[in-house]
Amino acid sequence: MLVIQIILVVFIVFAVSRAVLKLREKKLTMKWFLVWLFFWAAVTVVILRPNVASRLASLVGVTRGVDLLVYLSILALFYIAFRILVKIEHIEQEITKVVREIALRNKE
């Protein structure tokens, strides 16, 4: 096992432990915990068996496994940014409603 593989696996164990902690504190739902657990498990497989990424890449028509991982990472980041944007918009709308209700109550 290479030093970088050990470092990355230790980081993954740390990241999963943080997710478990947030789940116990009820700051993370079981759904999102499972998503993160699946993600880190997949990353661990790719770290420990790099040829898996290369085989998957050739199946979908990408020349290198690293390229496939970069493409998928960019897609995932854009999706996460979209979800955050939608959530922020929803929170702003809720804040506007609450402020209006408070303003109307104070006017009376």
N, C-alpha and C. Protein backbone atom coordinates (compact mmCIF):
# COMPACT_ATOMS: atom_id res chain seq x y z
N MET A 1 0.86 -1.18 0.00
CA MET A 1 0.00 0.00 0.00
C MET A 1 0.90 1.24 0.00
N LEU A 2 0.57 2.18 -0.85
CA LEU A 2 1.34 3.41 -0.95
C LEU A 2 1.00 4.37 0.19
N VAL A 3 1.92 5.26 0.49
CA VAL A 3 1.72 6.23 1.57
C VAL A 3 0.48 7.08 1.30
N ILE A 4 0.30 7.52 0.04
CA ILE A 4 -0.86 8.35 -0.28
C ILE A 4 -2.17 7.59 -0.06
N GLN A 5 -2.17 6.30 -0.34
CA GLN A 5 -3.37 5.51 -0.10
C GLN A 5 -3.70 5.45 1.39
N ILE A 6 -2.68 5.29 2.20
CA ILE A 6 -2.89 5.25 3.66
C ILE A 6 -3.43 6.59 4.15
N ILE A 7 -2.84 7.67 3.68
CA ILE A 7 -3.29 9.01 4.09
C ILE A 7 -4.75 9.22 3.70
N LEU A 8 -5.09 8.86 2.46
CA LEU A 8 -6.45 9.06 1.99
C LEU A 8 -7.46 8.19 2.75
N VAL A 9 -7.10 6.96 3.03
CA VAL A 9 -8.00 6.08 3.78
C VAL A 9 -8.19 6.60 5.21
N VAL A 10 -7.14 7.10 5.83
CA VAL A 10 -7.27 7.69 7.17
C VAL A 10 -8.21 8.89 7.11
N PHE A 11 -8.07 9.72 6.07
CA PHE A 11 -8.98 10.86 5.92
C PHE A 11 -10.42 10.39 5.76
N ILE A 12 -10.63 9.33 4.99
CA ILE A 12 -11.99 8.82 4.78
C ILE A 12 -12.58 8.30 6.09
N VAL A 13 -11.78 7.61 6.87
CA VAL A 13 -12.26 7.15 8.18
C VAL A 13 -12.66 8.36 9.04
N PHE A 14 -11.85 9.41 9.01
CA PHE A 14 -12.18 10.63 9.73
C PHE A 14 -13.49 11.23 9.21
N ALA A 15 -13.66 11.32 7.89
CA ALA A 15 -14.87 11.90 7.30
C ALA A 15 -16.11 11.09 7.67
N VAL A 16 -16.00 9.77 7.64
CA VAL A 16 -17.14 8.93 8.01
C VAL A 16 -17.45 9.08 9.50
N SER A 17 -16.42 9.20 10.32
CA SER A 17 -16.66 9.39 11.76
C SER A 17 -17.40 10.71 12.01
N ARG A 18 -17.07 11.75 11.25
CA ARG A 18 -17.78 13.03 11.37
C ARG A 18 -19.24 12.88 10.96
N ALA A 19 -19.48 12.12 9.90
CA ALA A 19 -20.85 11.89 9.44
C ALA A 19 -21.65 11.12 10.50
N VAL A 20 -21.03 10.13 11.11
CA VAL A 20 -21.69 9.37 12.19
C VAL A 20 -22.02 10.31 13.34
N LEU A 21 -21.09 11.17 13.71
CA LEU A 21 -21.31 12.12 14.78
C LEU A 21 -22.49 13.05 14.46
N LYS A 22 -22.53 13.57 13.24
CA LYS A 22 -23.62 14.47 12.85
C LYS A 22 -24.96 13.72 12.82
N LEU A 23 -24.92 12.45 12.44
CA LEU A 23 -26.15 11.64 12.45
C LEU A 23 -26.64 11.48 13.89
N ARG A 24 -25.75 11.18 14.81
CA ARG A 24 -26.12 11.02 16.22
C ARG A 24 -26.65 12.31 16.82
N GLU A 25 -26.09 13.45 16.38
CA GLU A 25 -26.53 14.75 16.87
C GLU A 25 -27.81 15.22 16.17
N LYS A 26 -28.32 14.41 15.27
CA LYS A 26 -29.53 14.73 14.49
C LYS A 26 -29.33 15.95 13.59
N LYS A 27 -28.08 16.21 13.19
CA LYS A 27 -27.80 17.31 12.28
C LYS A 27 -27.68 16.80 10.85
N LEU A 28 -27.81 15.49 10.68
CA LEU A 28 -27.73 14.84 9.38
C LEU A 28 -28.79 13.76 9.34
N THR A 29 -29.59 13.74 8.27
CA THR A 29 -30.63 12.72 8.17
C THR A 29 -30.01 11.39 7.74
N MET A 30 -30.74 10.32 7.98
CA MET A 30 -30.26 9.00 7.60
C MET A 30 -30.05 8.92 6.09
N LYS A 31 -30.92 9.58 5.33
CA LYS A 31 -30.80 9.59 3.87
C LYS A 31 -29.45 10.16 3.45
N TRP A 32 -29.10 11.34 3.98
CA TRP A 32 -27.84 11.98 3.61
C TRP A 32 -26.65 11.24 4.19
N PHE A 33 -26.82 10.62 5.35
CA PHE A 33 -25.75 9.81 5.91
C PHE A 33 -25.43 8.65 4.97
N LEU A 34 -26.45 7.99 4.46
CA LEU A 34 -26.23 6.87 3.55
C LEU A 34 -25.61 7.33 2.23
N VAL A 35 -26.01 8.52 1.76
CA VAL A 35 -25.40 9.07 0.54
C VAL A 35 -23.91 9.27 0.77
N TRP A 36 -23.54 9.90 1.88
CA TRP A 36 -22.12 10.14 2.18
C TRP A 36 -21.38 8.84 2.41
N LEU A 37 -22.02 7.89 3.08
CA LEU A 37 -21.38 6.61 3.33
C LEU A 37 -21.09 5.89 2.00
N PHE A 38 -22.06 5.90 1.10
CA PHE A 38 -21.86 5.30 -0.22
C PHE A 38 -20.74 6.01 -0.97
N PHE A 39 -20.75 7.33 -0.93
CA PHE A 39 -19.72 8.11 -1.60
C PHE A 39 -18.33 7.75 -1.10
N TRP A 40 -18.14 7.75 0.23
CA TRP A 40 -16.82 7.46 0.79
C TRP A 40 -16.42 6.01 0.55
N ALA A 41 -17.39 5.11 0.52
CA ALA A 41 -17.08 3.71 0.20
C ALA A 41 -16.58 3.60 -1.23
N ALA A 42 -17.24 4.30 -2.15
CA ALA A 42 -16.81 4.28 -3.56
C ALA A 42 -15.42 4.89 -3.71
N VAL A 43 -15.16 5.98 -3.00
CA VAL A 43 -13.84 6.60 -3.05
C VAL A 43 -12.78 5.64 -2.50
N THR A 44 -13.11 4.93 -1.45
CA THR A 44 -12.17 3.97 -0.87
C THR A 44 -11.83 2.88 -1.88
N VAL A 45 -12.85 2.37 -2.57
CA VAL A 45 -12.61 1.34 -3.59
C VAL A 45 -11.67 1.86 -4.67
N VAL A 46 -11.92 3.08 -5.14
CA VAL A 46 -11.07 3.66 -6.19
C VAL A 46 -9.65 3.89 -5.69
N ILE A 47 -9.50 4.28 -4.43
CA ILE A 47 -8.16 4.50 -3.87
C ILE A 47 -7.40 3.19 -3.75
N LEU A 48 -8.08 2.17 -3.25
CA LEU A 48 -7.40 0.90 -3.03
C LEU A 48 -7.24 0.07 -4.30
N ARG A 49 -8.13 0.28 -5.27
CA ARG A 49 -8.07 -0.44 -6.55
C ARG A 49 -8.25 0.55 -7.70
N PRO A 50 -7.22 1.28 -8.05
CA PRO A 50 -7.32 2.31 -9.08
C PRO A 50 -7.76 1.79 -10.45
N ASN A 51 -7.51 0.52 -10.72
CA ASN A 51 -7.92 -0.04 -12.01
C ASN A 51 -9.44 -0.10 -12.18
N VAL A 52 -10.17 -0.04 -11.09
CA VAL A 52 -11.64 -0.02 -11.17
C VAL A 52 -12.10 1.22 -11.92
N ALA A 53 -11.51 2.36 -11.62
CA ALA A 53 -11.88 3.60 -12.31
C ALA A 53 -11.54 3.52 -13.79
N SER A 54 -10.42 2.91 -14.10
CA SER A 54 -10.04 2.77 -15.52
C SER A 54 -11.00 1.87 -16.27
N ARG A 55 -11.42 0.79 -15.65
CA ARG A 55 -12.40 -0.10 -16.30
C ARG A 55 -13.74 0.59 -16.49
N LEU A 56 -14.18 1.32 -15.47
CA LEU A 56 -15.44 2.06 -15.61
C LEU A 56 -15.34 3.12 -16.71
N ALA A 57 -14.20 3.77 -16.77
CA ALA A 57 -13.99 4.80 -17.79
C ALA A 57 -14.08 4.20 -19.19
N SER A 58 -13.45 3.08 -19.40
CA SER A 58 -13.49 2.47 -20.73
C SER A 58 -14.90 2.00 -21.08
N LEU A 59 -15.69 1.62 -20.07
CA LEU A 59 -17.07 1.21 -20.33
C LEU A 59 -17.93 2.35 -20.85
N VAL A 60 -17.67 3.57 -20.38
CA VAL A 60 -18.48 4.72 -20.80
C VAL A 60 -17.82 5.54 -21.89
N GLY A 61 -16.65 5.10 -22.36
CA GLY A 61 -16.02 5.77 -23.47
C GLY A 61 -15.05 6.88 -23.13
N VAL A 62 -14.57 6.90 -21.89
CA VAL A 62 -13.59 7.89 -21.47
C VAL A 62 -12.23 7.17 -21.46
N THR A 63 -11.19 7.88 -21.87
CA THR A 63 -9.90 7.22 -22.04
C THR A 63 -9.21 6.85 -20.73
N ARG A 64 -9.28 7.71 -19.72
CA ARG A 64 -8.58 7.45 -18.46
C ARG A 64 -9.56 7.48 -17.30
N GLY A 65 -9.26 6.68 -16.29
CA GLY A 65 -10.09 6.64 -15.09
C GLY A 65 -10.12 7.96 -14.35
N VAL A 66 -8.99 8.65 -14.33
CA VAL A 66 -8.91 9.95 -13.65
C VAL A 66 -9.83 10.95 -14.33
N ASP A 67 -9.87 10.92 -15.66
CA ASP A 67 -10.76 11.83 -16.39
C ASP A 67 -12.22 11.59 -16.00
N LEU A 68 -12.60 10.33 -15.92
CA LEU A 68 -13.97 10.00 -15.53
C LEU A 68 -14.27 10.53 -14.14
N LEU A 69 -13.34 10.36 -13.22
CA LEU A 69 -13.54 10.85 -11.85
C LEU A 69 -13.67 12.36 -11.81
N VAL A 70 -12.87 13.05 -12.61
CA VAL A 70 -12.96 14.52 -12.67
C VAL A 70 -14.32 14.93 -13.22
N TYR A 71 -14.77 14.30 -14.30
CA TYR A 71 -16.08 14.63 -14.89
C TYR A 71 -17.20 14.40 -13.87
N LEU A 72 -17.17 13.26 -13.21
CA LEU A 72 -18.21 12.96 -12.22
C LEU A 72 -18.16 13.92 -11.04
N SER A 73 -16.95 14.29 -10.62
CA SER A 73 -16.81 15.23 -9.51
C SER A 73 -17.39 16.59 -9.86
N ILE A 74 -17.11 17.06 -11.07
CA ILE A 74 -17.65 18.35 -11.50
C ILE A 74 -19.17 18.31 -11.54
N LEU A 75 -19.72 17.22 -12.09
CA LEU A 75 -21.19 17.08 -12.12
C LEU A 75 -21.77 17.09 -10.71
N ALA A 76 -21.13 16.37 -9.80
CA ALA A 76 -21.61 16.31 -8.42
C ALA A 76 -21.55 17.67 -7.76
N LEU A 77 -20.48 18.40 -7.99
CA LEU A 77 -20.35 19.74 -7.39
C LEU A 77 -21.40 20.70 -7.93
N PHE A 78 -21.67 20.64 -9.23
CA PHE A 78 -22.72 21.49 -9.79
C PHE A 78 -24.09 21.12 -9.21
N TYR A 79 -24.35 19.82 -9.03
CA TYR A 79 -25.62 19.41 -8.45
C TYR A 79 -25.74 19.90 -7.01
N ILE A 80 -24.67 19.76 -6.25
CA ILE A 80 -24.69 20.23 -4.87
C ILE A 80 -24.89 21.74 -4.81
N ALA A 81 -24.22 22.49 -5.70
CA ALA A 81 -24.40 23.94 -5.75
C ALA A 81 -25.85 24.28 -6.07
N PHE A 82 -26.46 23.54 -6.99
CA PHE A 82 -27.87 23.76 -7.33
C PHE A 82 -28.77 23.53 -6.12
N ARG A 83 -28.54 22.41 -5.42
CA ARG A 83 -29.35 22.10 -4.24
C ARG A 83 -29.21 23.19 -3.17
N ILE A 84 -28.00 23.67 -2.97
CA ILE A 84 -27.77 24.73 -1.98
C ILE A 84 -28.49 26.01 -2.41
N LEU A 85 -28.42 26.35 -3.69
CA LEU A 85 -29.11 27.54 -4.19
C LEU A 85 -30.61 27.45 -3.98
N VAL A 86 -31.19 26.31 -4.28
CA VAL A 86 -32.63 26.12 -4.09
C VAL A 86 -32.98 26.24 -2.61
N LYS A 87 -32.16 25.66 -1.75
CA LYS A 87 -32.41 25.72 -0.31
C LYS A 87 -32.32 27.16 0.19
N ILE A 88 -31.34 27.90 -0.26
CA ILE A 88 -31.19 29.31 0.15
C ILE A 88 -32.39 30.12 -0.31
N GLU A 89 -32.83 29.91 -1.55
CA GLU A 89 -34.00 30.62 -2.05
C GLU A 89 -35.23 30.33 -1.19
N HIS A 90 -35.40 29.07 -0.81
CA HIS A 90 -36.54 28.69 0.03
C HIS A 90 -36.44 29.37 1.40
N ILE A 91 -35.27 29.37 1.98
CA ILE A 91 -35.08 30.01 3.29
C ILE A 91 -35.34 31.51 3.20
N GLU A 92 -34.88 32.16 2.12
CA GLU A 92 -35.14 33.60 1.95
C GLU A 92 -36.64 33.88 1.85
N GLN A 93 -37.37 33.02 1.15
CA GLN A 93 -38.82 33.20 1.04
C GLN A 93 -39.49 33.04 2.40
N GLU A 94 -39.04 32.06 3.17
CA GLU A 94 -39.61 31.84 4.50
C GLU A 94 -39.30 33.02 5.42
N ILE A 95 -38.10 33.56 5.36
CA ILE A 95 -37.73 34.71 6.18
C ILE A 95 -38.59 35.91 5.80
N THR A 96 -38.82 36.11 4.51
CA THR A 96 -39.66 37.22 4.05
C THR A 96 -41.07 37.09 4.61
N LYS A 97 -41.62 35.88 4.59
CA LYS A 97 -42.97 35.66 5.14
C LYS A 97 -43.02 36.00 6.63
N VAL A 98 -42.02 35.52 7.37
CA VAL A 98 -42.00 35.75 8.82
C VAL A 98 -41.86 37.24 9.12
N VAL A 99 -40.99 37.93 8.40
CA VAL A 99 -40.79 39.37 8.63
C VAL A 99 -42.07 40.13 8.33
N ARG A 100 -42.76 39.75 7.26
CA ARG A 100 -44.03 40.42 6.93
C ARG A 100 -45.06 40.21 8.02
N GLU A 101 -45.16 38.97 8.52
CA GLU A 101 -46.13 38.68 9.58
C GLU A 101 -45.81 39.49 10.85
N ILE A 102 -44.55 39.56 11.19
CA ILE A 102 -44.14 40.32 12.39
C ILE A 102 -44.44 41.80 12.19
N ALA A 103 -44.15 42.31 10.99
CA ALA A 103 -44.41 43.73 10.71
C ALA A 103 -45.90 44.04 10.80
N LEU A 104 -46.74 43.15 10.27
CA LEU A 104 -48.19 43.35 10.35
C LEU A 104 -48.69 43.29 11.78
N ARG A 105 -48.16 42.39 12.58
CA ARG A 105 -48.56 42.28 13.99
C ARG A 105 -48.15 43.53 14.76
N ASN A 106 -46.96 44.03 14.50
CA ASN A 106 -46.46 45.21 15.23
C ASN A 106 -47.25 46.47 14.81
N LYS A 107 -47.77 46.49 13.62
CA LYS A 107 -48.52 47.65 13.14
C LYS A 107 -49.84 47.78 13.90
N GLU A 108 -50.41 46.66 14.25
CA GLU A 108 -51.69 46.65 14.97
C GLU A 108 -51.46 47.08 16.36
